[in-house]
Amino acid sequence: MDPLSTARLGMMFATRQLQQAADNVAQMGLEKGDSFDVTQEMVRMIEAKTAFKANVSVVKFADEMWDSLLQLQKD
């Protein structure tokens, strides 16, 4: 699998993880008997944000590489 596909899948996974954690925080306390740890959900959100940023860096690097290759081809 190429790096861009891997980065895209990573961003999609991080987005789902962030959405799930946000949904859990939004619904906290709505159902009786739910054991809810806001700290754990915040950790999940931070992990998702970090994973998303790392994958964006891969995409930016790949874009810069392509630009460099295209520039070399022009010259």
N, C-alpha and C. Protein backbone atom coordinates (compact mmCIF):
# COMPACT_ATOMS: atom_id res chain seq x y z
N MET A 1 0.85 -1.18 0.00
CA MET A 1 0.00 0.00 0.00
C MET A 1 0.90 1.24 0.00
N ASP A 2 0.52 2.22 -0.78
CA ASP A 2 1.35 3.42 -0.86
C ASP A 2 1.12 4.34 0.35
N PRO A 3 2.08 5.22 0.65
CA PRO A 3 1.99 6.07 1.84
C PRO A 3 0.75 6.97 1.87
N LEU A 4 0.32 7.46 0.70
CA LEU A 4 -0.86 8.33 0.69
C LEU A 4 -2.12 7.57 1.07
N SER A 5 -2.25 6.35 0.59
CA SER A 5 -3.42 5.54 0.96
C SER A 5 -3.40 5.23 2.45
N THR A 6 -2.22 4.92 2.95
CA THR A 6 -2.09 4.64 4.38
C THR A 6 -2.44 5.87 5.21
N ALA A 7 -1.96 7.03 4.78
CA ALA A 7 -2.26 8.28 5.49
C ALA A 7 -3.75 8.59 5.44
N ARG A 8 -4.36 8.37 4.27
CA ARG A 8 -5.80 8.63 4.13
C ARG A 8 -6.60 7.73 5.07
N LEU A 9 -6.25 6.45 5.12
CA LEU A 9 -6.94 5.53 6.02
C LEU A 9 -6.71 5.92 7.47
N GLY A 10 -5.50 6.36 7.78
CA GLY A 10 -5.21 6.81 9.14
C GLY A 10 -6.03 8.02 9.55
N MET A 11 -6.20 8.95 8.61
CA MET A 11 -7.02 10.14 8.90
C MET A 11 -8.48 9.75 9.08
N MET A 12 -8.95 8.81 8.28
CA MET A 12 -10.34 8.36 8.43
C MET A 12 -10.54 7.67 9.78
N PHE A 13 -9.60 6.83 10.18
CA PHE A 13 -9.69 6.16 11.48
C PHE A 13 -9.66 7.17 12.62
N ALA A 14 -8.75 8.14 12.55
CA ALA A 14 -8.65 9.15 13.60
C ALA A 14 -9.93 9.98 13.69
N THR A 15 -10.53 10.28 12.54
CA THR A 15 -11.78 11.03 12.53
C THR A 15 -12.89 10.24 13.21
N ARG A 16 -12.97 8.94 12.89
CA ARG A 16 -13.99 8.09 13.54
C ARG A 16 -13.76 8.00 15.03
N GLN A 17 -12.50 7.86 15.45
CA GLN A 17 -12.18 7.76 16.87
C GLN A 17 -12.55 9.04 17.60
N LEU A 18 -12.24 10.19 17.00
CA LEU A 18 -12.59 11.47 17.61
C LEU A 18 -14.10 11.63 17.70
N GLN A 19 -14.82 11.27 16.64
CA GLN A 19 -16.28 11.38 16.65
C GLN A 19 -16.90 10.49 17.73
N GLN A 20 -16.38 9.28 17.86
CA GLN A 20 -16.90 8.35 18.85
C GLN A 20 -16.66 8.88 20.27
N ALA A 21 -15.48 9.41 20.51
CA ALA A 21 -15.18 9.97 21.83
C ALA A 21 -16.07 11.18 22.11
N ALA A 22 -16.26 12.03 21.11
CA ALA A 22 -17.11 13.21 21.29
C ALA A 22 -18.56 12.79 21.56
N ASP A 23 -19.03 11.77 20.86
CA ASP A 23 -20.38 11.27 21.10
C ASP A 23 -20.52 10.74 22.53
N ASN A 24 -19.50 10.03 22.99
CA ASN A 24 -19.53 9.50 24.36
C ASN A 24 -19.58 10.62 25.38
N VAL A 25 -18.82 11.68 25.16
CA VAL A 25 -18.83 12.81 26.08
C VAL A 25 -20.19 13.51 26.05
N ALA A 26 -20.75 13.66 24.85
CA ALA A 26 -22.04 14.34 24.71
C ALA A 26 -23.16 13.57 25.39
N GLN A 27 -23.04 12.24 25.43
CA GLN A 27 -24.10 11.42 26.00
C GLN A 27 -23.85 11.03 27.46
N MET A 28 -22.77 11.52 28.04
CA MET A 28 -22.42 11.09 29.40
C MET A 28 -23.54 11.41 30.37
N GLY A 29 -23.83 10.44 31.19
CA GLY A 29 -24.83 10.61 32.21
C GLY A 29 -26.26 10.48 31.73
N LEU A 30 -26.49 10.26 30.45
CA LEU A 30 -27.85 10.15 29.95
C LEU A 30 -28.48 8.80 30.29
N GLU A 31 -27.67 7.77 30.34
CA GLU A 31 -28.19 6.45 30.65
C GLU A 31 -27.74 6.03 32.03
N LYS A 32 -28.68 5.55 32.84
CA LYS A 32 -28.34 5.12 34.19
C LYS A 32 -27.49 3.86 34.12
N GLY A 33 -26.57 3.77 35.04
CA GLY A 33 -25.73 2.59 35.11
C GLY A 33 -24.53 2.63 34.20
N ASP A 34 -24.42 3.67 33.39
CA ASP A 34 -23.26 3.79 32.52
C ASP A 34 -22.04 4.15 33.35
N SER A 35 -20.98 3.41 33.14
CA SER A 35 -19.72 3.82 33.76
C SER A 35 -19.00 4.66 32.71
N PHE A 36 -18.71 5.87 33.06
CA PHE A 36 -18.16 6.81 32.09
C PHE A 36 -16.93 7.47 32.69
N ASP A 37 -15.85 7.46 31.96
CA ASP A 37 -14.61 8.08 32.41
C ASP A 37 -14.26 9.20 31.43
N VAL A 38 -14.53 10.43 31.84
CA VAL A 38 -14.28 11.56 30.96
C VAL A 38 -12.79 11.69 30.65
N THR A 39 -11.95 11.31 31.59
CA THR A 39 -10.51 11.37 31.36
C THR A 39 -10.11 10.45 30.21
N GLN A 40 -10.65 9.24 30.21
CA GLN A 40 -10.34 8.29 29.14
C GLN A 40 -10.80 8.82 27.78
N GLU A 41 -11.96 9.44 27.74
CA GLU A 41 -12.46 9.98 26.47
C GLU A 41 -11.60 11.15 26.00
N MET A 42 -11.12 11.96 26.93
CA MET A 42 -10.24 13.06 26.55
C MET A 42 -8.91 12.53 26.01
N VAL A 43 -8.41 11.47 26.61
CA VAL A 43 -7.18 10.84 26.11
C VAL A 43 -7.41 10.33 24.70
N ARG A 44 -8.56 9.70 24.46
CA ARG A 44 -8.88 9.21 23.11
C ARG A 44 -8.93 10.36 22.11
N MET A 45 -9.49 11.50 22.52
CA MET A 45 -9.55 12.65 21.63
C MET A 45 -8.15 13.18 21.30
N ILE A 46 -7.28 13.24 22.30
CA ILE A 46 -5.92 13.71 22.08
C ILE A 46 -5.16 12.74 21.18
N GLU A 47 -5.34 11.44 21.40
CA GLU A 47 -4.71 10.44 20.54
C GLU A 47 -5.18 10.59 19.09
N ALA A 48 -6.48 10.79 18.92
CA ALA A 48 -7.03 10.93 17.57
C ALA A 48 -6.48 12.18 16.89
N LYS A 49 -6.40 13.27 17.64
CA LYS A 49 -5.87 14.52 17.08
C LYS A 49 -4.41 14.34 16.66
N THR A 50 -3.62 13.69 17.51
CA THR A 50 -2.21 13.47 17.21
C THR A 50 -2.05 12.56 15.99
N ALA A 51 -2.85 11.51 15.91
CA ALA A 51 -2.79 10.59 14.76
C ALA A 51 -3.17 11.32 13.48
N PHE A 52 -4.20 12.15 13.55
CA PHE A 52 -4.63 12.90 12.37
C PHE A 52 -3.52 13.83 11.90
N LYS A 53 -2.91 14.56 12.84
CA LYS A 53 -1.83 15.48 12.48
C LYS A 53 -0.64 14.74 11.87
N ALA A 54 -0.32 13.57 12.40
CA ALA A 54 0.80 12.79 11.86
C ALA A 54 0.51 12.37 10.43
N ASN A 55 -0.71 11.96 10.16
CA ASN A 55 -1.08 11.55 8.80
C ASN A 55 -1.13 12.73 7.85
N VAL A 56 -1.53 13.89 8.33
CA VAL A 56 -1.50 15.09 7.50
C VAL A 56 -0.05 15.43 7.13
N SER A 57 0.86 15.22 8.06
CA SER A 57 2.28 15.46 7.77
C SER A 57 2.78 14.55 6.66
N VAL A 58 2.34 13.31 6.65
CA VAL A 58 2.72 12.38 5.58
C VAL A 58 2.21 12.89 4.24
N VAL A 59 0.97 13.35 4.21
CA VAL A 59 0.39 13.86 2.97
C VAL A 59 1.15 15.09 2.50
N LYS A 60 1.47 16.00 3.41
CA LYS A 60 2.22 17.20 3.04
C LYS A 60 3.60 16.84 2.49
N PHE A 61 4.27 15.89 3.13
CA PHE A 61 5.58 15.46 2.68
C PHE A 61 5.50 14.87 1.27
N ALA A 62 4.50 14.02 1.05
CA ALA A 62 4.32 13.41 -0.27
C ALA A 62 4.05 14.48 -1.33
N ASP A 63 3.26 15.49 -0.97
CA ASP A 63 2.97 16.58 -1.89
C ASP A 63 4.25 17.34 -2.25
N GLU A 64 5.07 17.61 -1.25
CA GLU A 64 6.34 18.30 -1.50
C GLU A 64 7.26 17.45 -2.38
N MET A 65 7.26 16.14 -2.14
CA MET A 65 8.08 15.26 -2.96
C MET A 65 7.64 15.31 -4.42
N TRP A 66 6.33 15.22 -4.64
CA TRP A 66 5.81 15.27 -6.01
C TRP A 66 6.14 16.60 -6.67
N ASP A 67 5.99 17.69 -5.93
CA ASP A 67 6.34 19.00 -6.48
C ASP A 67 7.81 19.06 -6.89
N SER A 68 8.68 18.51 -6.04
CA SER A 68 10.11 18.49 -6.35
C SER A 68 10.39 17.66 -7.60
N LEU A 69 9.75 16.50 -7.69
CA LEU A 69 9.95 15.65 -8.87
C LEU A 69 9.45 16.32 -10.14
N LEU A 70 8.30 16.97 -10.06
CA LEU A 70 7.77 17.67 -11.21
C LEU A 70 8.68 18.83 -11.63
N GLN A 71 9.22 19.51 -10.63
CA GLN A 71 10.13 20.62 -10.93
C GLN A 71 11.40 20.11 -11.61
N LEU A 72 11.92 18.96 -11.16
CA LEU A 72 13.10 18.38 -11.79
C LEU A 72 12.80 17.97 -13.23
N GLN A 73 11.61 17.49 -13.45
CA GLN A 73 11.23 17.06 -14.80
C GLN A 73 11.12 18.28 -15.73
N LYS A 74 10.65 19.41 -15.19
CA LYS A 74 10.51 20.62 -15.99
C LYS A 74 11.87 21.13 -16.46
N ASP A 75 12.84 21.07 -15.56
CA ASP A 75 14.17 21.64 -15.84
C ASP A 75 14.96 20.82 -16.78
